Amino acid sequence: MITIVKHEWHQHDRQYAIELDAELLSEIYPDLDEDEITEKLLQIEAGEIDVEEVVNDAWENDVEIEWEFQYDDCWTDRKGGYDITYKLGDESSWHTPPEEAPDTTTCTKCRWTGKNYETRTQHHRADGTVIEDYYATEEVSDHTTDVCPMCDSPVELTEEGVAEEAKRKAQKEKWAKAREEKEVEEEAVPCFSCGAMHKESELPEASGQLFCPSCNEGWVVMDMREEEKEEELVAPAWPFPEVEVLPNYPAGEYTIRIWGRTREIGVGTISKEQYEHWSDDEHEDDLSDALNESYDYDENETPENARFNHAYYEYQDVKSFWGFDEDDTHMTITDDKGEEIYEGTLEDFIYEAHGDRASRWEATEEEEELYPEHVGTGYFVMWTQGGKGSCIQTTIDTEGQEFDPRKLSYKTWDVQGSSVVHRMSYDGYELEDEGMDSGKDNWRGQWSEFSVHHNG
């Protein structure tokens, strides 16, 4: 028996596998006797016969190969349309999805259980009443609670959730200890205006700038360039809120893993006839099948000029994009010893790295907007393929310098009102996806959306 691996390259790698044995080979080559089948298997295993040739022969002889889906590496942003490759594999080629992480949160009323990032955030007024549609009002709320996404009832931690919370608390205590040790070693620096000596970590901060608390008149920026010294400075409010931020970590390699809701999106041009046909109420429900090449145009008497010539992934000449939802992530960072130094969400990490400093806004940049009604004049099809689970795994080598959480940044696209992470960088260098380790890969569930648009 021989393992054959099939890769489907769209803008990402979708892998399948089969076990090719004598029985299946006999179906593909019915004219060969038992000895000839055995010999052919040996030739395939030795690489003397290209496995792609065997797959093509199966296609020509109407033998259906039931490929077993392995994984979908959606971070990879490859161009060039659609391609298929085949290769010989072995036992290590087979992908077994790991057990899904246990649910950490449960509803106190209904039977819902899930992860803490799957709960719904409820905003409250000072008197405790709920703001029903927080994002549609101008009300400001400092108090939030997590509620069940199914019935809006209070939630509580499961046994696994309690253990995870204890682990996170221990991590924060470790960070605080590391921060204290760093402050002990920190040297004082002089203010260029009054000469007073202060440790940089003790300096108050506002609007991303450091200030000297010893000057009698106003506030003097500690890190101003010479040409900025004459600018008028406004005294910030006092006292400053104490915000604990993540410390730097020793030099080495750090692995980031992120799970969440992914999206692969394309926008392509179509004809007026295609738009008019597939926007009609009678046919719009069949648009998905048509773009997935599983629609019988002849049987449904589809006009020739309304038929699609390609599958959905070929329509990306206007826009092409891959990313994962910013507000739906679970993130871990481990050091080169395998010790987990962070667990939380990507958004929380940025806040915990920068605190209330304005620099946290610089670490998240919106790169572009994608709304089908704003892509230009003409007729367009927009498609989205997505799923839930593994997003990206990437390694940062600090090259002898400390790992500084404040140097991690990402860029987003506004996709029809949703903020979607598109690129991640560390210290200005774009991070590449290495593919999630098999033991960490938990890709599951897919969803898709297809629509046609006309912009006058």
Protein backbone atom coordinates (compact mmCIF):
# COMPACT_ATOMS: atom_id res chain seq x y z
CA MET A 1 0.00 0.00 0.00
CA ILE A 2 1.31 3.44 -0.97
CA THR A 3 0.39 6.88 0.38
CA ILE A 4 -0.22 9.59 -2.22
CA VAL A 5 -0.53 13.23 -1.14
CA LYS A 6 -2.52 15.75 -3.15
CA HIS A 7 -2.04 19.53 -2.71
CA GLU A 8 -4.56 22.03 -4.08
CA TRP A 9 -2.93 25.45 -4.35
CA HIS A 10 -5.42 28.31 -4.50
CA GLN A 11 -4.07 31.24 -2.52
CA HIS A 12 -3.29 28.64 0.09
CA ASP A 13 -2.39 24.96 0.31
CA ARG A 14 -5.27 22.53 0.79
CA GLN A 15 -3.91 19.00 1.35
CA TYR A 16 -5.56 15.60 0.80
CA ALA A 17 -4.21 12.02 0.94
CA ILE A 18 -5.16 8.47 -0.06
CA GLU A 19 -3.80 4.95 0.39
CA LEU A 20 -3.15 3.47 -3.06
CA ASP A 21 -3.39 -0.33 -2.89
CA ALA A 22 -3.67 -3.18 -5.41
CA GLU A 23 -7.48 -3.09 -5.32
CA LEU A 24 -7.70 0.59 -6.29
CA LEU A 25 -4.93 0.21 -8.87
CA SER A 26 -6.87 -2.68 -10.46
CA GLU A 27 -9.87 -0.37 -10.88
CA ILE A 28 -7.68 2.21 -12.61
CA TYR A 29 -5.98 -0.41 -14.84
CA PRO A 30 -8.58 -3.18 -15.41
CA ASP A 31 -6.51 -4.70 -18.26
CA LEU A 32 -3.55 -5.56 -15.99
CA ASP A 33 -3.30 -8.94 -14.24
CA GLU A 34 -2.32 -9.44 -10.59
CA ASP A 35 1.42 -9.69 -11.27
CA GLU A 36 1.38 -6.57 -13.46
CA ILE A 37 -0.50 -4.65 -10.75
CA THR A 38 2.10 -5.71 -8.16
CA GLU A 39 4.91 -4.62 -10.46
CA LYS A 40 3.23 -1.27 -11.11
CA LEU A 41 2.86 -0.64 -7.36
CA LEU A 42 6.59 -1.28 -6.91
CA GLN A 43 7.40 1.13 -9.77
CA ILE A 44 5.22 3.86 -8.23
CA GLU A 45 6.81 3.36 -4.81
CA ALA A 46 10.29 3.55 -6.36
CA GLY A 47 9.39 6.80 -8.13
CA GLU A 48 9.73 5.25 -11.60
CA ILE A 49 6.12 6.16 -12.39
CA ASP A 50 4.87 9.68 -11.69
CA VAL A 51 1.91 9.57 -9.29
CA GLU A 52 0.25 12.39 -11.24
CA GLU A 53 0.17 10.08 -14.24
CA VAL A 54 -1.72 7.49 -12.18
CA VAL A 55 -4.24 10.09 -10.96
CA ASN A 56 -4.81 11.29 -14.53
CA ASP A 57 -5.33 7.68 -15.68
CA ALA A 58 -7.96 7.26 -12.97
CA TRP A 59 -9.72 10.37 -14.22
CA GLU A 60 -9.70 9.17 -17.82
CA ASN A 61 -11.02 5.72 -16.80
CA ASP A 62 -13.85 7.22 -14.69
CA VAL A 63 -12.44 5.89 -11.41
CA GLU A 64 -13.34 8.18 -8.53
CA ILE A 65 -10.59 8.65 -5.95
CA GLU A 66 -11.97 9.44 -2.50
CA TRP A 67 -9.34 11.83 -1.17
CA GLU A 68 -9.22 12.31 2.61
CA PHE A 69 -8.97 15.97 3.61
CA GLN A 70 -5.89 16.76 5.73
CA TYR A 71 -5.56 20.48 6.44
CA ASP A 72 -5.97 23.98 5.01
CA ASP A 73 -3.02 26.39 5.39
CA CYS A 74 -4.92 29.64 4.95
CA TRP A 75 -2.25 32.17 6.01
CA THR A 76 -0.14 31.54 2.90
CA ASP A 77 -0.84 34.29 0.38
CA ARG A 78 0.17 32.74 -2.93
CA LYS A 79 -0.78 34.24 -6.28
CA GLY A 80 -1.23 32.68 -9.67
CA GLY A 81 -4.63 31.05 -9.45
CA TYR A 82 -5.29 27.34 -9.04
CA ASP A 83 -2.92 24.38 -9.34
CA ILE A 84 -2.72 20.76 -8.16
CA THR A 85 0.40 18.76 -7.31
CA TYR A 86 0.84 15.13 -6.27
CA LYS A 87 3.69 13.40 -4.44
CA LEU A 88 4.49 10.17 -2.63
CA GLY A 89 4.02 10.25 1.12
CA ASP A 90 4.41 8.05 4.18
CA GLU A 91 2.81 7.62 7.59
CA SER A 92 3.86 11.12 8.61
CA SER A 93 1.87 12.59 5.70
CA TRP A 94 -1.44 11.82 7.35
CA HIS A 95 -2.83 14.67 9.38
CA THR A 96 -4.82 13.87 12.51
CA PRO A 97 -6.54 16.95 13.97
CA PRO A 98 -5.73 17.31 17.67
CA GLU A 99 -8.43 17.29 20.27
CA GLU A 100 -10.10 20.65 20.55
CA ALA A 101 -9.15 22.65 23.62
CA PRO A 102 -11.70 22.26 26.43
CA ASP A 103 -14.43 24.87 26.91
CA THR A 104 -13.50 27.40 29.58
CA THR A 105 -16.82 29.22 29.98
CA THR A 106 -20.40 28.10 30.57
CA CYS A 107 -23.75 29.86 30.79
CA THR A 108 -25.42 29.96 34.20
CA LYS A 109 -28.85 29.58 32.60
CA CYS A 110 -28.85 27.71 29.28
CA ARG A 111 -26.64 24.79 28.22
CA TRP A 112 -24.13 26.82 26.19
CA THR A 113 -20.41 26.19 26.79
CA GLY A 114 -17.50 27.62 24.87
CA LYS A 115 -14.27 29.64 25.01
CA ASN A 116 -14.10 32.94 26.85
CA TYR A 117 -13.47 34.81 23.58
CA GLU A 118 -16.76 33.46 22.21
CA THR A 119 -18.83 35.25 24.85
CA ARG A 120 -20.59 38.54 24.13
CA THR A 121 -19.45 41.77 25.78
CA GLN A 122 -22.25 43.69 27.49
CA HIS A 123 -21.76 47.40 28.31
CA HIS A 124 -23.35 48.96 31.43
CA ARG A 125 -24.16 52.47 32.60
CA ALA A 126 -23.02 53.72 35.99
CA ASP A 127 -26.37 52.71 37.50
CA GLY A 128 -25.91 49.13 36.25
CA THR A 129 -28.46 49.24 33.43
CA VAL A 130 -27.45 47.67 30.11
CA ILE A 131 -26.71 49.78 27.03
CA GLU A 132 -28.64 47.74 24.45
CA ASP A 133 -26.75 48.89 21.33
CA TYR A 134 -23.48 50.33 22.61
CA TYR A 135 -21.85 50.87 19.20
CA ALA A 136 -24.90 52.70 17.83
CA THR A 137 -24.91 55.27 20.64
CA GLU A 138 -22.53 57.95 21.88
CA GLU A 139 -22.70 56.68 25.45
CA VAL A 140 -19.41 55.86 27.19
CA SER A 141 -19.16 52.82 29.43
CA ASP A 142 -16.30 51.87 31.76
CA HIS A 143 -18.06 48.75 33.03
CA THR A 144 -18.47 45.61 30.93
CA THR A 145 -19.42 42.01 31.61
CA ASP A 146 -19.20 38.85 29.55
CA VAL A 147 -22.55 37.21 28.84
CA CYS A 148 -23.77 34.11 27.04
CA PRO A 149 -23.90 34.65 23.23
CA MET A 150 -27.10 32.57 23.09
CA CYS A 151 -29.30 34.04 25.85
CA ASP A 152 -27.36 37.03 27.30
CA SER A 153 -27.28 35.42 30.76
CA PRO A 154 -24.23 35.68 33.07
CA VAL A 155 -21.44 33.17 32.48
CA GLU A 156 -19.01 31.44 34.78
CA LEU A 157 -15.74 29.56 34.40
CA THR A 158 -15.68 25.82 33.94
CA GLU A 159 -13.17 23.69 35.84
CA GLU A 160 -10.78 24.05 32.88
CA GLY A 161 -11.44 27.81 32.83
CA VAL A 162 -10.54 28.15 36.50
CA ALA A 163 -7.25 26.32 35.84
CA GLU A 164 -6.52 28.55 32.83
CA GLU A 165 -7.25 31.71 34.85
CA ALA A 166 -4.92 30.52 37.61
CA LYS A 167 -2.20 29.90 35.03
CA ARG A 168 -2.64 33.39 33.59
CA LYS A 169 -2.52 34.93 37.08
CA ALA A 170 0.75 33.14 37.72
CA GLN A 171 2.14 34.53 34.45
CA LYS A 172 1.22 38.09 35.44
CA GLU A 173 2.93 37.62 38.82
CA LYS A 174 5.99 36.42 36.95
CA TRP A 175 5.90 39.50 34.69
CA ALA A 176 5.59 41.78 37.74
CA LYS A 177 8.60 40.10 39.34
CA ALA A 178 10.63 40.46 36.12
CA ARG A 179 9.64 44.12 35.97
CA GLU A 180 10.78 44.69 39.56
CA GLU A 181 14.12 43.04 38.85
CA LYS A 182 14.60 45.23 35.79
CA GLU A 183 13.77 48.40 37.74
CA VAL A 184 16.42 47.52 40.34
CA GLU A 185 19.05 47.38 37.61
CA GLU A 186 17.84 50.53 35.84
CA GLU A 187 20.06 53.62 36.03
CA ALA A 188 18.79 57.18 36.52
CA VAL A 189 19.02 59.65 33.62
CA PRO A 190 19.24 63.48 33.78
CA CYS A 191 16.55 65.88 32.55
CA PHE A 192 18.18 68.11 29.92
CA SER A 193 16.27 71.13 31.29
CA CYS A 194 16.77 71.03 35.07
CA GLY A 195 19.31 68.22 35.43
CA ALA A 196 17.22 66.23 37.93
CA MET A 197 17.98 62.49 37.92
CA HIS A 198 15.16 59.99 37.46
CA LYS A 199 14.79 56.39 36.36
CA GLU A 200 13.00 56.26 33.03
CA SER A 201 10.44 53.73 34.35
CA GLU A 202 9.43 56.24 37.07
CA LEU A 203 8.71 59.09 34.65
CA PRO A 204 5.06 60.04 34.10
CA GLU A 205 3.83 59.82 30.53
CA ALA A 206 1.17 61.50 28.41
CA SER A 207 0.50 61.48 24.68
CA GLY A 208 3.37 59.08 24.13
CA GLN A 209 5.97 61.43 25.68
CA LEU A 210 7.96 61.26 28.94
CA PHE A 211 7.96 64.22 31.37
CA CYS A 212 10.24 65.37 34.21
CA PRO A 213 8.35 65.78 37.54
CA SER A 214 11.12 67.94 39.12
CA CYS A 215 10.91 71.06 36.97
CA ASN A 216 9.14 73.97 38.70
CA GLU A 217 7.57 75.46 35.58
CA GLY A 218 5.48 73.29 33.30
CA TRP A 219 6.55 69.89 32.11
CA VAL A 220 9.70 69.20 30.16
CA VAL A 221 9.73 66.39 27.59
CA MET A 222 12.62 64.06 28.36
CA ASP A 223 13.09 62.61 24.88
CA MET A 224 12.61 65.68 22.68
CA ARG A 225 14.94 66.36 19.78
CA GLU A 226 16.95 69.59 19.95
CA GLU A 227 14.87 71.33 17.27
CA GLU A 228 11.66 70.70 19.27
CA LYS A 229 12.81 72.31 22.54
CA GLU A 230 11.23 75.69 21.78
CA GLU A 231 7.72 74.29 21.29
CA GLU A 232 5.15 75.14 23.97
CA LEU A 233 4.19 72.20 26.15
CA VAL A 234 0.90 71.73 27.97
CA ALA A 235 0.94 70.16 31.42
CA PRO A 236 -0.81 66.79 31.45
CA ALA A 237 -3.34 65.86 34.11
CA TRP A 238 -2.01 64.47 37.38
CA PRO A 239 -1.93 61.91 38.85
CA PHE A 240 -1.18 59.56 35.99
CA PRO A 241 -2.98 56.19 36.10
CA GLU A 242 -0.70 53.32 36.98
CA VAL A 243 -0.78 50.83 34.14
CA GLU A 244 1.34 47.69 34.35
CA VAL A 245 2.82 46.73 31.00
CA LEU A 246 4.53 43.59 29.82
CA PRO A 247 8.30 43.51 30.47
CA ASN A 248 11.03 42.77 27.95
CA TYR A 249 12.18 39.15 27.77
CA PRO A 250 15.68 37.65 27.32
CA ALA A 251 17.17 37.41 23.83
CA GLY A 252 16.21 34.30 21.88
CA GLU A 253 13.51 32.82 19.66
CA TYR A 254 9.82 33.33 20.42
CA THR A 255 6.99 31.48 18.69
CA ILE A 256 3.62 33.20 18.20
CA ARG A 257 0.50 31.14 17.49
CA ILE A 258 -2.90 32.63 16.76
CA TRP A 259 -6.27 30.93 16.35
CA GLY A 260 -9.49 32.62 15.24
CA ARG A 261 -11.91 33.28 12.40
CA THR A 262 -10.24 33.51 8.99
CA ARG A 263 -11.26 35.05 5.69
CA GLU A 264 -9.98 34.66 2.13
CA ILE A 265 -11.58 37.28 -0.12
CA GLY A 266 -11.54 38.12 -3.79
CA VAL A 267 -13.29 40.72 -5.94
CA GLY A 268 -13.30 40.26 -9.71
CA THR A 269 -14.93 41.84 -12.74
CA ILE A 270 -17.87 40.16 -14.48
CA SER A 271 -20.13 41.03 -17.39
CA LYS A 272 -23.42 42.88 -17.31
CA GLU A 273 -25.22 39.69 -18.40
CA GLN A 274 -23.66 37.71 -15.53
CA TYR A 275 -24.68 40.37 -13.02
CA GLU A 276 -28.25 40.61 -14.28
CA HIS A 277 -28.73 36.83 -14.26
CA TRP A 278 -27.22 36.03 -10.84
CA SER A 279 -28.68 39.07 -9.05
CA ASP A 280 -32.17 37.92 -10.01
CA ASP A 281 -34.15 36.47 -7.06
CA GLU A 282 -34.70 33.28 -9.05
CA HIS A 283 -30.98 32.53 -9.43
CA GLU A 284 -29.10 34.24 -6.57
CA ASP A 285 -29.36 31.15 -4.34
CA ASP A 286 -27.48 29.15 -7.00
CA LEU A 287 -24.56 31.60 -7.21
CA SER A 288 -22.45 29.61 -4.75
CA ASP A 289 -22.84 26.35 -6.71
CA ALA A 290 -22.05 28.11 -9.98
CA LEU A 291 -18.83 29.66 -8.65
CA ASN A 292 -17.81 26.35 -7.08
CA GLU A 293 -18.24 24.63 -10.48
CA SER A 294 -20.97 22.35 -9.16
CA TYR A 295 -23.85 23.78 -11.17
CA ASP A 296 -25.37 22.29 -14.34
CA TYR A 297 -25.80 25.27 -16.67
CA ASP A 298 -27.39 23.18 -19.42
CA GLU A 299 -29.94 21.56 -17.15
CA ASN A 300 -30.90 24.95 -15.73
CA GLU A 301 -30.91 26.56 -19.20
CA THR A 302 -28.47 29.28 -18.17
CA PRO A 303 -27.74 31.73 -21.03
CA GLU A 304 -24.23 31.29 -22.45
CA ASN A 305 -23.19 34.88 -21.72
CA ALA A 306 -24.30 34.53 -18.06
CA ARG A 307 -22.19 31.46 -17.30
CA PHE A 308 -18.96 31.71 -15.34
CA ASN A 309 -15.82 30.58 -17.15
CA HIS A 310 -13.82 29.97 -13.96
CA ALA A 311 -14.19 28.91 -10.34
CA TYR A 312 -14.60 31.62 -7.69
CA TYR A 313 -10.88 31.84 -6.80
CA GLU A 314 -10.00 33.04 -10.32
CA TYR A 315 -12.04 36.22 -9.76
CA GLN A 316 -9.58 38.41 -7.89
CA ASP A 317 -8.34 40.92 -10.45
CA VAL A 318 -9.79 43.85 -8.46
CA LYS A 319 -9.01 42.83 -4.87
CA SER A 320 -7.30 39.84 -3.27
CA PHE A 321 -6.99 39.48 0.47
CA TRP A 322 -6.43 37.03 3.34
CA GLY A 323 -6.63 37.64 7.06
CA PHE A 324 -8.26 36.84 10.37
CA ASP A 325 -10.77 38.80 12.45
CA GLU A 326 -9.07 41.16 14.90
CA ASP A 327 -11.77 40.75 17.56
CA ASP A 328 -11.87 36.94 17.43
CA THR A 329 -8.41 35.62 18.33
CA HIS A 330 -6.66 33.41 20.85
CA MET A 331 -2.90 33.95 21.02
CA THR A 332 0.05 32.30 22.75
CA ILE A 333 3.77 33.16 22.81
CA THR A 334 6.37 30.60 23.85
CA ASP A 335 10.12 31.04 24.28
CA ASP A 336 12.84 28.78 22.86
CA LYS A 337 12.61 26.57 25.97
CA GLY A 338 8.96 25.87 25.25
CA GLU A 339 7.75 27.98 28.16
CA GLU A 340 4.57 29.94 27.50
CA ILE A 341 5.10 33.61 28.36
CA TYR A 342 1.75 34.90 27.12
CA GLU A 343 -1.78 33.65 26.57
CA GLY A 344 -4.71 35.89 25.68
CA THR A 345 -5.99 37.75 22.63
CA LEU A 346 -4.04 39.76 20.08
CA GLU A 347 -5.87 42.96 21.03
CA ASP A 348 -5.21 42.38 24.74
CA PHE A 349 -1.53 41.73 24.03
CA ILE A 350 -1.15 45.12 22.32
CA TYR A 351 -2.84 46.87 25.25
CA GLU A 352 -0.84 44.96 27.86
CA ALA A 353 2.37 45.77 25.97
CA HIS A 354 1.72 49.53 25.71
CA GLY A 355 -0.74 50.28 28.50
CA ASP A 356 -2.32 53.72 28.05
CA ARG A 357 0.51 55.01 25.89
CA ALA A 358 -0.47 56.47 22.55
CA SER A 359 2.05 54.11 20.95
CA ARG A 360 -0.51 51.31 21.16
CA TRP A 361 -2.48 52.98 18.35
CA GLU A 362 0.66 53.12 16.21
CA ALA A 363 1.06 49.34 16.64
CA THR A 364 -2.25 48.73 14.84
CA GLU A 365 -2.65 50.40 11.45
CA GLU A 366 -5.64 50.20 9.13
CA GLU A 367 -4.16 49.65 5.68
CA GLU A 368 -7.19 49.65 3.39
CA GLU A 369 -10.98 49.44 3.19
CA LEU A 370 -12.89 46.82 1.21
CA TYR A 371 -16.53 47.57 0.41
CA PRO A 372 -17.87 46.16 -2.88
CA GLU A 373 -19.81 49.37 -3.58
CA HIS A 374 -16.54 51.33 -3.52
CA VAL A 375 -14.26 49.24 -5.75
CA GLY A 376 -14.99 51.23 -8.89
CA THR A 377 -17.51 51.48 -11.70
CA GLY A 378 -18.74 48.32 -13.36
CA TYR A 379 -19.97 44.81 -12.55
CA PHE A 380 -18.26 42.69 -9.90
CA VAL A 381 -18.43 39.41 -8.03
CA MET A 382 -17.21 39.25 -4.43
CA TRP A 383 -16.46 35.93 -2.71
CA THR A 384 -15.39 35.03 0.79
CA GLN A 385 -14.13 31.67 2.02
CA GLY A 386 -13.47 31.33 5.71
CA GLY A 387 -13.26 29.05 8.68
CA LYS A 388 -12.44 28.78 12.35
CA GLY A 389 -9.24 27.60 13.97
CA SER A 390 -5.55 27.89 13.14
CA CYS A 391 -4.49 31.24 11.67
CA ILE A 392 -0.73 31.70 11.87
CA GLN A 393 2.41 30.41 13.54
CA THR A 394 5.54 32.52 13.25
CA THR A 395 8.92 32.71 15.00
CA ILE A 396 10.77 35.85 16.05
CA ASP A 397 14.56 35.68 16.45
CA THR A 398 15.64 38.72 18.45
CA GLU A 399 19.27 38.29 17.28
CA GLY A 400 20.92 39.00 20.62
CA GLN A 401 18.49 41.72 21.70
CA GLU A 402 15.72 41.44 24.28
CA PHE A 403 12.27 40.50 23.02
CA ASP A 404 10.30 43.75 23.30
CA PRO A 405 6.50 43.23 23.18
CA ARG A 406 6.09 46.85 22.06
CA LYS A 407 7.84 46.07 18.76
CA LEU A 408 5.09 43.68 17.66
CA SER A 409 2.56 45.33 15.35
CA TYR A 410 -0.05 44.42 12.77
CA LYS A 411 -1.99 45.94 9.88
CA THR A 412 -5.68 45.52 9.19
CA TRP A 413 -8.26 45.93 6.46
CA ASP A 414 -11.75 47.25 7.10
CA VAL A 415 -13.80 44.58 5.32
CA GLN A 416 -17.42 45.72 5.26
CA GLY A 417 -17.18 46.98 8.83
CA SER A 418 -15.06 44.12 10.22
CA SER A 419 -11.43 44.75 11.18
CA VAL A 420 -9.36 41.93 9.69
CA VAL A 421 -5.65 41.43 10.46
CA HIS A 422 -3.66 41.28 7.22
CA ARG A 423 0.03 41.50 8.13
CA MET A 424 2.11 41.14 11.31
CA SER A 425 5.55 42.66 11.91
CA TYR A 426 8.21 42.79 14.58
CA ASP A 427 10.58 45.76 14.78
CA GLY A 428 9.51 46.79 11.27
CA TYR A 429 10.10 43.40 9.64
CA GLU A 430 7.15 41.46 8.26
CA LEU A 431 6.63 38.05 9.87
CA GLU A 432 6.14 34.98 7.69
CA ASP A 433 3.79 32.14 8.50
CA GLU A 434 5.56 28.82 9.13
CA GLY A 435 2.42 26.70 9.21
CA MET A 436 0.86 25.59 12.47
CA ASP A 437 2.55 22.62 14.16
CA SER A 438 0.43 19.50 13.71
CA GLY A 439 -0.07 19.18 17.45
CA LYS A 440 -1.43 22.74 17.61
CA ASP A 441 -3.51 22.74 14.42
CA ASN A 442 -7.24 22.81 15.16
CA TRP A 443 -8.73 23.97 11.85
CA ARG A 444 -12.43 23.30 11.82
CA GLY A 445 -15.61 24.43 10.10
CA GLN A 446 -15.84 26.42 6.89
CA TRP A 447 -18.21 29.11 5.68
CA SER A 448 -18.54 31.05 2.43
CA GLU A 449 -20.34 34.05 0.96
CA PHE A 450 -20.86 35.01 -2.69
CA SER A 451 -22.48 38.13 -4.13
CA VAL A 452 -22.63 40.18 -7.34
CA HIS A 453 -22.62 43.98 -7.49
CA HIS A 454 -23.18 46.82 -9.92
CA ASN A 455 -21.63 50.25 -9.32
CA GLY A 456 -22.88 52.97 -11.63
